[in-house]
Protein backbone atom coordinates (compact mmCIF):
# COMPACT_ATOMS: atom_id res chain seq x y z
CA UNK A 1 1.59 28.08 12.50
CA UNK A 2 1.51 26.96 8.85
CA UNK A 3 4.23 24.41 9.62
CA UNK A 4 2.07 22.89 12.37
CA UNK A 5 -0.85 22.61 9.95
CA UNK A 6 1.37 20.94 7.35
CA UNK A 7 2.76 18.48 9.92
CA UNK A 8 -0.79 17.72 11.07
CA UNK A 9 -1.96 17.15 7.48
CA UNK A 10 0.96 14.80 6.81
CA UNK A 11 0.25 12.88 10.03
CA UNK A 12 -3.41 12.51 9.06
CA UNK A 13 -2.40 11.30 5.59
CA UNK A 14 -0.07 8.70 7.12
CA UNK A 15 -2.83 7.50 9.45
CA UNK A 16 -5.28 7.23 6.53
CA UNK A 17 -2.72 5.24 4.54
CA UNK A 18 -2.16 2.87 7.47
CA UNK A 19 -5.90 2.44 7.96
CA UNK A 20 -6.30 1.67 4.25
CA UNK A 21 -3.53 -0.92 4.45
CA UNK A 22 -5.12 -2.65 7.45
CA UNK A 23 -8.48 -2.70 5.66
CA UNK A 24 -6.76 -4.31 2.67
CA UNK A 25 -5.22 -6.99 4.92
CA UNK A 26 -8.57 -7.76 6.59
CA UNK A 27 -10.26 -8.06 3.19
CA UNK A 28 -7.41 -10.30 1.99
CA UNK A 29 -7.82 -12.65 4.96
CA UNK A 30 -11.64 -12.77 4.84
CA UNK A 31 -11.94 -13.27 1.08
CA UNK A 32 -9.16 -15.85 0.91
CA UNK A 33 -10.54 -17.75 3.91
CA UNK A 34 -13.87 -17.88 2.08
CA UNK A 35 -12.16 -19.16 -1.09
CA UNK A 36 -10.36 -21.87 0.88
CA UNK A 37 -13.69 -22.86 2.43
CA UNK A 38 -15.26 -23.09 -1.05
CA UNK A 39 -12.27 -25.14 -2.22
CA UNK A 40 -12.56 -27.49 0.78
CA UNK A 41 -16.32 -27.94 0.39
CA UNK A 42 -16.04 -28.59 -3.33
CA UNK A 43 -13.79 -31.61 -3.00
CA UNK A 44 -10.39 -30.15 -2.05
CA UNK A 45 -8.70 -31.12 -5.29
CA UNK A 46 -6.23 -28.81 -6.97
CA UNK A 47 -5.60 -25.88 -4.61
CA UNK A 48 -6.78 -23.14 -6.98
CA UNK A 49 -7.15 -20.42 -4.27
CA UNK A 50 -3.36 -20.11 -4.28
CA UNK A 51 -3.58 -18.07 -7.49
CA UNK A 52 -5.82 -15.46 -5.87
CA UNK A 53 -3.71 -15.50 -2.70
CA UNK A 54 -0.48 -15.04 -4.63
CA UNK A 55 -1.73 -12.28 -6.91
CA UNK A 56 -3.47 -10.32 -4.20
CA UNK A 57 -0.59 -11.06 -1.82
CA UNK A 58 1.81 -9.28 -4.16
CA UNK A 59 -0.50 -6.28 -4.05
CA UNK A 60 -0.62 -6.39 -0.24
CA UNK A 61 3.18 -6.49 -0.04
CA UNK A 62 3.48 -3.53 -2.42
CA UNK A 63 0.86 -1.64 -0.40
CA UNK A 64 2.85 -2.37 2.78
CA UNK A 65 5.99 -1.02 1.13
CA UNK A 66 4.18 2.16 0.13
CA UNK A 67 2.77 2.70 3.63
CA UNK A 68 5.67 1.56 5.83
CA UNK A 69 8.78 1.34 3.66
CA UNK A 70 8.95 4.50 1.61
CA UNK A 71 10.46 7.56 3.17
CA UNK A 72 8.58 10.85 2.89
CA UNK A 73 9.72 13.26 0.18
CA UNK A 74 12.01 15.88 1.70
CA UNK A 75 12.29 19.54 0.83
CA UNK A 76 15.88 18.88 -0.28
CA UNK A 77 14.66 16.28 -2.79
CA UNK A 78 12.01 18.69 -4.08
CA UNK A 79 14.57 21.46 -4.57
CA UNK A 80 16.97 19.06 -6.30
CA UNK A 81 14.23 17.89 -8.65
CA UNK A 82 13.22 21.48 -9.37
CA UNK A 83 16.82 22.32 -10.28
CA UNK A 84 16.98 19.25 -12.50
CA UNK A 85 13.76 20.33 -14.21
CA UNK A 86 15.21 23.80 -14.86
CA UNK A 87 18.22 22.29 -16.66
CA UNK A 88 15.90 20.15 -18.81
CA UNK A 89 14.12 23.27 -20.05
CA UNK A 90 17.30 25.07 -21.12
């Protein structure tokens, strides 16, 4: 029963992480569309919104990697790290 609760908690955490990522993407699109509009209405000279798009875009890519690219930590990895920590103490 405890295993089912843990699996459920992990699934909920993954869903929350995905939801947070999608919210980040929507905010990215809306804010950057607004900045492009401001740029266009102010004379469309040097395309300064690219700096915001690039900086925030790096953050979006890293967020995507965290949500979709990283594998969950396994029990084997935890045990290995615990053993490594024991040898550091000695």
